[in-house]
Amino acid sequence: METVSTCTLNQHPFLTSNPRPFASNFAYASSVSALGFTLPSSHKTSAPPNQRRKTLVTSSSIAVEHHTQTKTAVIRIGTRGSPLALAQAHETRDKLIASHPELAEEGSIQIVIIKTTGDKILSQPLADIGGKGLFTKEIDEALINADIDIAVHSMKDVPTYLPDKTILPCNLPREDVRDAFISLTATSLADLPAGAVVGTASLRRKSQILHRYPSLKVLENFRGNVQTRLRKLNDGVVQATLLALAGLKRLNMTENVTSILSMDDMLPAVAQGAIGIACRSDDEKMAGFIASLNHDETRLAVACERAFLETLDGSCRTPIAGYASRDEDGNCLFRGLVASPDGTRVLETSRKGSYTFEEMVAMGKDAGKELLSKAGPGFFDS
């Protein structure tokens, strides 16, 4: 039977046995580009079965999931504590072990749970608490301060700049980018009656819903993890909701999906379905560990989409969607969209070019400049 213990971070045996220096001169908001680095292509690996773990509950905002054997962890993975974030951290752990067998020893990899601003403030819409990095700031700080060795993020949450002293040398293979429609009473958005309420915390989803189905209503502050949102749906708070299919697949919860929205009905968020792994820029060994997991096709697609977002200077108050993919001829197809928050205006564009880092970043930037010019001043204020 597993035991649960309580302690503060500095009491944890992994950390006291081998204390690590803290970085100085922390500056979160410095503008280090997240786009311009080259990486090796990944190779496919198969993950071993999950190892037996214990969960350590702490009195601080950082919790640690650790293995039975107490020893100095070789790699400490920082993550949010939601079920989806933990699934992504475990996917990262399993790929590290498969790629680097020396990490298979029990206790070599430790998962550190960090509560972020986005997790702490659930009573307000994301647009109202504003700013970039709502789900990454505290994790990045822990990385810079050497409390963790790598950070695992949902790429859609990562700002278009990276904090000083960090790099992001790895994207894992991308999951299905489409959005799932979930309802107990309807088969699709088109099947909902006039006045039906759809719950979402995403302005991207809200604007596209209202643009195509203006008779529907959208409950904006429909926040919480996947399980919380499904519970609210079951309780009748809303008649339907939209969730990322990627998250439902990673949680093995696709049985909840009523239908899957096409790209024409709902263009996905920039970098939706992609996982990013960051480390300190001066930690060459760790950069090598995680760069070996990089999936280059995903990295290039994400770079294209984030170049589009960066050009538009997108924020939580900006309905933006973008998706880059490889066609049957090996070229990159990119689609981008910006919308007014009320959905009355939607502007779209597309690009096609070679599937190379330089051209795809250029395509994303050019598409962003086009829509920025078409939108004009005050477009996002309605």
Protein backbone atom coordinates (compact mmCIF):
# COMPACT_ATOMS: atom_id res chain seq x y z
CA MET A 1 0.00 0.00 0.00
CA GLU A 2 1.31 3.45 -0.93
CA THR A 3 1.97 6.01 1.76
CA VAL A 4 1.50 9.76 1.56
CA SER A 5 3.80 12.09 3.43
CA THR A 6 3.89 15.84 3.87
CA CYS A 7 6.89 18.12 3.86
CA THR A 8 8.19 21.34 2.40
CA LEU A 9 10.28 21.37 -0.77
CA ASN A 10 13.63 21.80 1.00
CA GLN A 11 12.93 18.77 3.20
CA HIS A 12 12.60 16.43 0.26
CA PRO A 13 15.32 13.71 0.23
CA PHE A 14 16.01 14.08 -3.48
CA LEU A 15 16.79 17.75 -3.08
CA THR A 16 18.70 17.76 0.21
CA SER A 17 21.04 14.97 -0.88
CA ASN A 18 22.41 17.01 -3.75
CA PRO A 19 21.55 20.70 -3.52
CA ARG A 20 21.96 22.65 -6.74
CA PRO A 21 22.97 26.30 -7.14
CA PHE A 22 20.31 28.92 -7.75
CA ALA A 23 20.53 31.15 -10.81
CA SER A 24 20.75 34.91 -10.24
CA ASN A 25 19.45 37.93 -12.17
CA PHE A 26 16.12 36.32 -13.04
CA ALA A 27 14.23 38.29 -15.67
CA TYR A 28 11.06 36.63 -16.87
CA ALA A 29 9.91 39.14 -19.46
CA SER A 30 13.05 39.41 -21.55
CA SER A 31 12.44 38.96 -25.27
CA VAL A 32 14.40 35.87 -26.25
CA SER A 33 13.02 34.40 -29.47
CA ALA A 34 11.38 30.99 -29.13
CA LEU A 35 11.72 30.33 -32.83
CA GLY A 36 15.29 30.56 -34.04
CA PHE A 37 17.23 27.48 -33.08
CA THR A 38 18.13 24.33 -35.00
CA LEU A 39 17.71 20.88 -33.60
CA PRO A 40 18.28 17.27 -34.58
CA SER A 41 15.36 15.26 -35.87
CA SER A 42 13.79 12.83 -33.45
CA HIS A 43 13.69 9.09 -33.64
CA LYS A 44 10.70 6.98 -32.69
CA THR A 45 10.83 5.20 -29.38
CA SER A 46 8.59 2.84 -27.51
CA ALA A 47 7.89 3.59 -23.88
CA PRO A 48 8.28 0.93 -21.19
CA PRO A 49 5.45 0.16 -18.75
CA ASN A 50 4.85 2.77 -16.07
CA GLN A 51 6.97 2.32 -12.96
CA ARG A 52 5.45 2.17 -9.48
CA ARG A 53 5.33 5.64 -7.92
CA LYS A 54 4.39 7.45 -4.75
CA THR A 55 2.99 10.93 -4.60
CA LEU A 56 4.40 13.44 -2.17
CA VAL A 57 1.98 16.11 -1.01
CA THR A 58 3.71 19.27 0.15
CA SER A 59 2.67 22.38 2.04
CA SER A 60 4.32 24.61 -0.56
CA SER A 61 3.14 25.33 -4.11
CA ILE A 62 5.53 22.68 -5.44
CA ALA A 63 4.66 19.01 -5.06
CA VAL A 64 6.77 16.05 -6.05
CA GLU A 65 5.76 12.71 -7.52
CA HIS A 66 8.62 10.33 -6.78
CA HIS A 67 9.57 6.69 -6.93
CA THR A 68 9.81 4.28 -4.03
CA GLN A 69 13.60 4.33 -3.84
CA THR A 70 15.03 7.54 -2.38
CA LYS A 71 18.08 8.64 -4.33
CA THR A 72 19.29 11.75 -6.08
CA ALA A 73 17.13 12.31 -9.15
CA VAL A 74 19.02 12.58 -12.41
CA ILE A 75 16.25 14.56 -14.09
CA ARG A 76 13.51 16.55 -12.35
CA ILE A 77 10.55 17.26 -14.64
CA GLY A 78 8.49 20.36 -13.80
CA THR A 79 4.81 20.38 -14.73
CA ARG A 80 1.39 21.65 -13.80
CA GLY A 81 -0.66 19.31 -11.66
CA SER A 82 -3.74 18.76 -13.84
CA PRO A 83 -4.39 15.20 -15.05
CA LEU A 84 -3.55 16.27 -18.63
CA ALA A 85 -0.33 18.01 -17.61
CA LEU A 86 0.72 14.94 -15.64
CA ALA A 87 -0.09 12.69 -18.61
CA GLN A 88 2.21 14.85 -20.73
CA ALA A 89 4.95 14.72 -18.07
CA HIS A 90 4.66 10.92 -17.93
CA GLU A 91 4.82 10.73 -21.73
CA THR A 92 8.03 12.77 -21.56
CA ARG A 93 9.43 10.55 -18.81
CA ASP A 94 8.65 7.37 -20.74
CA LYS A 95 10.24 8.69 -23.94
CA LEU A 96 13.35 9.73 -22.00
CA ILE A 97 13.68 6.24 -20.53
CA ALA A 98 13.12 4.59 -23.92
CA SER A 99 15.72 6.83 -25.54
CA HIS A 100 18.21 6.75 -22.65
CA PRO A 101 18.14 3.32 -20.94
CA GLU A 102 20.42 4.58 -18.15
CA LEU A 103 17.42 6.58 -16.88
CA ALA A 104 15.34 3.43 -16.38
CA GLU A 105 16.70 2.91 -12.87
CA GLU A 106 13.95 3.60 -10.37
CA GLY A 107 14.22 7.11 -8.97
CA SER A 108 16.29 8.50 -11.86
CA ILE A 109 13.42 10.69 -13.05
CA GLN A 110 11.29 12.74 -10.67
CA ILE A 111 8.11 14.69 -11.47
CA VAL A 112 7.69 18.04 -9.70
CA ILE A 113 4.21 19.58 -9.67
CA ILE A 114 4.09 23.38 -9.73
CA LYS A 115 0.94 25.44 -9.34
CA THR A 116 0.76 28.30 -11.84
CA THR A 117 -1.16 31.58 -11.86
CA GLY A 118 -3.63 30.11 -14.34
CA ASP A 119 -4.29 27.21 -11.95
CA LYS A 120 -4.71 29.45 -8.90
CA ILE A 121 -7.22 31.96 -10.33
CA LEU A 122 -10.26 30.10 -11.63
CA SER A 123 -13.01 32.62 -10.82
CA GLN A 124 -12.21 34.99 -13.72
CA PRO A 125 -11.96 34.56 -17.50
CA LEU A 126 -8.43 34.11 -18.79
CA ALA A 127 -8.78 37.33 -20.80
CA ASP A 128 -9.46 39.29 -17.59
CA ILE A 129 -6.43 38.02 -15.66
CA GLY A 130 -4.52 38.77 -18.85
CA GLY A 131 -0.90 38.60 -19.81
CA LYS A 132 1.18 35.85 -21.32
CA GLY A 133 2.55 32.90 -19.47
CA LEU A 134 -0.41 32.29 -17.14
CA PHE A 135 0.30 28.57 -17.19
CA THR A 136 4.08 28.68 -17.57
CA LYS A 137 5.56 31.52 -15.49
CA GLU A 138 6.06 29.69 -12.19
CA ILE A 139 7.39 26.60 -13.96
CA ASP A 140 9.90 28.72 -15.87
CA GLU A 141 10.97 30.38 -12.63
CA ALA A 142 11.57 26.97 -11.04
CA LEU A 143 13.65 26.01 -14.09
CA ILE A 144 15.79 29.14 -13.92
CA ASN A 145 16.25 28.70 -10.15
CA ALA A 146 17.38 25.07 -10.70
CA ASP A 147 14.46 23.63 -8.69
CA ILE A 148 13.78 21.50 -11.78
CA ASP A 149 15.90 20.39 -14.74
CA ILE A 150 13.33 20.42 -17.53
CA ALA A 151 9.89 21.97 -17.97
CA VAL A 152 7.06 20.26 -19.85
CA HIS A 153 4.49 22.63 -21.35
CA SER A 154 1.46 22.50 -23.60
CA MET A 155 2.89 24.55 -26.47
CA LYS A 156 -0.33 26.52 -26.89
CA ASP A 157 0.33 27.98 -23.40
CA VAL A 158 3.92 29.07 -24.13
CA PRO A 159 4.37 32.79 -24.94
CA THR A 160 6.10 33.63 -28.22
CA TYR A 161 9.16 34.74 -26.22
CA LEU A 162 11.11 32.53 -23.85
CA PRO A 163 12.46 33.69 -20.49
CA ASP A 164 16.13 34.59 -20.36
CA LYS A 165 18.46 31.66 -19.58
CA THR A 166 16.06 29.07 -21.07
CA ILE A 167 15.75 27.25 -24.39
CA LEU A 168 13.08 24.96 -25.82
CA PRO A 169 14.94 22.34 -27.88
CA CYS A 170 12.18 19.75 -28.20
CA ASN A 171 8.63 19.20 -29.40
CA LEU A 172 7.19 15.73 -28.97
CA PRO A 173 5.08 14.28 -31.83
CA ARG A 174 1.88 16.26 -32.15
CA GLU A 175 -1.50 14.77 -31.33
CA ASP A 176 -4.72 15.35 -33.29
CA VAL A 177 -5.21 19.14 -33.43
CA ARG A 178 -8.98 19.19 -33.93
CA ASP A 179 -11.58 20.26 -31.39
CA ALA A 180 -14.17 17.84 -30.00
CA PHE A 181 -17.85 18.72 -29.56
CA ILE A 182 -19.35 17.26 -26.38
CA SER A 183 -23.04 17.36 -25.51
CA LEU A 184 -25.68 15.20 -23.83
CA THR A 185 -28.49 16.54 -26.02
CA ALA A 186 -27.09 17.40 -29.47
CA THR A 187 -24.85 15.77 -32.07
CA SER A 188 -23.12 18.94 -33.30
CA LEU A 189 -23.08 22.73 -32.96
CA ALA A 190 -25.55 22.90 -35.86
CA ASP A 191 -27.92 20.61 -33.96
CA LEU A 192 -28.16 22.90 -30.91
CA PRO A 193 -31.38 24.93 -30.63
CA ALA A 194 -31.35 28.72 -30.65
CA GLY A 195 -30.39 30.09 -27.25
CA ALA A 196 -28.46 26.97 -26.20
CA VAL A 197 -25.42 27.72 -24.07
CA VAL A 198 -21.95 26.48 -25.05
CA GLY A 199 -19.25 26.64 -22.40
CA THR A 200 -15.67 27.58 -23.27
CA ALA A 201 -12.81 29.60 -21.80
CA SER A 202 -11.37 30.24 -25.28
CA LEU A 203 -12.05 33.44 -27.21
CA ARG A 204 -10.87 31.59 -30.33
CA ARG A 205 -13.67 29.06 -29.91
CA LYS A 206 -16.23 31.68 -28.85
CA SER A 207 -15.64 33.90 -31.88
CA GLN A 208 -15.80 31.03 -34.38
CA ILE A 209 -18.95 29.59 -32.73
CA LEU A 210 -20.75 32.92 -32.81
CA HIS A 211 -19.61 33.66 -36.36
CA ARG A 212 -21.21 30.48 -37.70
CA TYR A 213 -24.04 30.07 -35.18
CA PRO A 214 -25.05 33.56 -33.98
CA SER A 215 -28.23 32.20 -32.35
CA LEU A 216 -26.17 30.33 -29.74
CA LYS A 217 -24.93 31.76 -26.46
CA VAL A 218 -21.42 31.28 -25.07
CA LEU A 219 -20.56 31.04 -21.38
CA GLU A 220 -17.02 32.50 -21.37
CA ASN A 221 -15.66 31.63 -17.95
CA PHE A 222 -16.08 27.89 -18.43
CA ARG A 223 -12.74 27.03 -16.86
CA GLY A 224 -11.12 24.09 -15.10
CA ASN A 225 -9.47 20.87 -16.17
CA VAL A 226 -11.14 18.38 -18.50
CA GLN A 227 -12.81 16.49 -15.66
CA THR A 228 -14.19 19.71 -14.15
CA ARG A 229 -15.68 20.87 -17.44
CA LEU A 230 -17.32 17.52 -18.11
CA ARG A 231 -18.81 17.58 -14.61
CA LYS A 232 -20.27 21.06 -15.26
CA LEU A 233 -21.74 19.77 -18.51
CA ASN A 234 -23.30 16.80 -16.71
CA ASP A 235 -24.71 19.19 -14.09
CA GLY A 236 -26.53 21.16 -16.80
CA VAL A 237 -24.51 24.38 -16.44
CA VAL A 238 -24.20 24.37 -20.25
CA GLN A 239 -25.72 22.36 -23.06
CA ALA A 240 -22.41 21.70 -24.82
CA THR A 241 -18.69 22.36 -24.65
CA LEU A 242 -15.64 22.09 -26.89
CA LEU A 243 -12.39 20.46 -25.80
CA ALA A 244 -9.12 19.73 -27.56
CA LEU A 245 -9.22 16.22 -28.97
CA ALA A 246 -5.49 15.92 -28.24
CA GLY A 247 -6.07 16.22 -24.51
CA LEU A 248 -8.91 13.71 -24.53
CA LYS A 249 -6.73 11.22 -26.39
CA ARG A 250 -3.83 11.66 -23.97
CA LEU A 251 -6.24 11.09 -21.07
CA ASN A 252 -7.88 8.09 -22.76
CA MET A 253 -11.23 9.88 -22.51
CA THR A 254 -12.38 9.89 -26.14
CA GLU A 255 -15.53 8.00 -25.17
CA ASN A 256 -16.87 11.41 -24.09
CA VAL A 257 -16.64 12.85 -27.62
CA THR A 258 -19.97 13.42 -29.35
CA SER A 259 -18.45 14.54 -32.67
CA ILE A 260 -15.24 16.02 -34.04
CA LEU A 261 -15.26 19.46 -35.61
CA SER A 262 -13.73 19.90 -39.05
CA MET A 263 -11.03 22.50 -39.71
CA ASP A 264 -13.63 24.53 -41.62
CA ASP A 265 -15.89 24.65 -38.57
CA MET A 266 -13.17 25.33 -35.99
CA LEU A 267 -9.56 26.21 -36.83
CA PRO A 268 -7.36 25.12 -33.89
CA ALA A 269 -5.28 27.22 -31.56
CA VAL A 270 -1.67 27.90 -32.49
CA ALA A 271 0.44 24.87 -31.42
CA GLN A 272 -2.63 22.93 -30.23
CA GLY A 273 -1.79 19.28 -29.54
CA ALA A 274 1.95 19.91 -29.25
CA ILE A 275 4.13 19.37 -26.16
CA GLY A 276 7.25 21.48 -25.60
CA ILE A 277 10.19 20.62 -23.34
CA ALA A 278 12.45 23.41 -22.07
CA CYS A 279 15.70 23.48 -20.11
CA ARG A 280 18.27 26.03 -18.97
CA SER A 281 20.41 27.40 -21.79
CA ASP A 282 23.64 26.59 -19.91
CA ASP A 283 22.70 22.93 -19.28
CA GLU A 284 24.16 21.25 -22.35
CA LYS A 285 23.71 17.72 -21.01
CA MET A 286 20.00 18.21 -20.36
CA ALA A 287 19.55 19.93 -23.73
CA GLY A 288 21.07 16.85 -25.34
CA PHE A 289 18.75 14.51 -23.43
CA ILE A 290 15.60 16.27 -24.57
CA ALA A 291 16.73 17.29 -28.06
CA SER A 292 17.11 13.59 -28.84
CA LEU A 293 13.32 13.29 -28.42
CA ASN A 294 12.51 16.13 -30.81
CA HIS A 295 9.98 15.48 -33.58
CA ASP A 296 11.12 17.74 -36.38
CA GLU A 297 7.89 17.82 -38.39
CA THR A 298 6.05 19.03 -35.28
CA ARG A 299 8.78 21.54 -34.43
CA LEU A 300 8.60 23.15 -37.88
CA ALA A 301 4.79 23.33 -37.86
CA VAL A 302 4.80 24.90 -34.39
CA ALA A 303 7.49 27.40 -35.45
CA CYS A 304 5.34 28.48 -38.42
CA GLU A 305 2.23 28.94 -36.29
CA ARG A 306 4.09 30.78 -33.52
CA ALA A 307 5.67 33.14 -36.07
CA PHE A 308 2.12 33.98 -37.17
CA LEU A 309 1.04 34.55 -33.56
CA GLU A 310 4.13 36.59 -32.73
CA THR A 311 3.54 38.90 -35.71
CA LEU A 312 -0.04 39.51 -34.57
CA ASP A 313 1.19 40.00 -30.99
CA GLY A 314 -1.60 37.72 -29.86
CA SER A 315 -2.78 37.62 -26.27
CA CYS A 316 -5.58 36.06 -24.22
CA ARG A 317 -7.82 38.89 -25.50
CA THR A 318 -7.17 38.10 -29.16
CA PRO A 319 -9.13 35.42 -31.03
CA ILE A 320 -6.41 33.86 -33.23
CA ALA A 321 -6.17 30.43 -34.85
CA GLY A 322 -3.47 28.90 -37.00
CA TYR A 323 -2.47 25.50 -38.33
CA ALA A 324 0.50 24.31 -40.40
CA SER A 325 0.62 20.80 -41.84
CA ARG A 326 2.46 18.75 -44.44
CA ASP A 327 0.52 17.83 -47.59
CA GLU A 328 0.86 14.66 -49.67
CA ASP A 329 3.61 16.29 -51.76
CA GLY A 330 5.65 17.18 -48.67
CA ASN A 331 4.88 20.90 -48.78
CA CYS A 332 3.64 23.05 -45.91
CA LEU A 333 0.05 24.25 -45.94
CA PHE A 334 -0.74 27.03 -43.47
CA ARG A 335 -4.12 28.49 -42.55
CA GLY A 336 -4.50 31.48 -40.26
CA LEU A 337 -7.48 33.31 -38.79
CA VAL A 338 -8.21 36.36 -36.67
CA ALA A 339 -11.66 37.34 -35.44
CA SER A 340 -13.43 40.04 -33.51
CA PRO A 341 -14.32 38.77 -30.01
CA ASP A 342 -18.05 38.84 -30.82
CA GLY A 343 -17.55 36.80 -33.97
CA THR A 344 -19.09 39.37 -36.31
CA ARG A 345 -15.88 39.62 -38.35
CA VAL A 346 -13.52 36.80 -39.25
CA LEU A 347 -10.47 37.24 -41.47
CA GLU A 348 -8.66 34.24 -42.91
CA THR A 349 -5.60 33.61 -45.06
CA SER A 350 -3.50 30.68 -46.25
CA ARG A 351 0.01 29.98 -47.51
CA LYS A 352 1.85 27.13 -49.24
CA GLY A 353 5.59 26.56 -49.39
CA SER A 354 8.43 24.15 -48.76
CA TYR A 355 8.53 22.29 -45.45
CA THR A 356 11.69 23.98 -44.17
CA PHE A 357 12.26 26.03 -41.02
CA GLU A 358 13.20 29.29 -42.76
CA GLU A 359 10.36 29.25 -45.30
CA MET A 360 7.72 28.17 -42.80
CA VAL A 361 8.65 30.90 -40.31
CA ALA A 362 8.59 33.41 -43.19
CA MET A 363 5.13 32.15 -44.23
CA GLY A 364 3.79 32.54 -40.70
CA LYS A 365 5.12 36.08 -40.42
CA ASP A 366 3.82 37.08 -43.84
CA ALA A 367 0.35 35.68 -43.08
CA GLY A 368 0.32 37.60 -39.80
CA LYS A 369 1.26 40.86 -41.52
CA GLU A 370 -1.51 40.39 -44.08
CA LEU A 371 -4.23 39.87 -41.46
CA LEU A 372 -2.88 42.66 -39.29
CA SER A 373 -3.18 45.01 -42.25
CA LYS A 374 -6.68 43.80 -43.15
CA ALA A 375 -7.92 44.03 -39.56
CA GLY A 376 -6.94 47.65 -39.07
CA PRO A 377 -6.99 49.62 -35.80
CA GLY A 378 -9.61 48.71 -33.21
CA PHE A 379 -10.47 45.37 -34.82
CA PHE A 380 -10.03 43.41 -31.60
CA ASP A 381 -11.86 45.96 -29.43
CA SER A 382 -15.42 45.04 -30.42
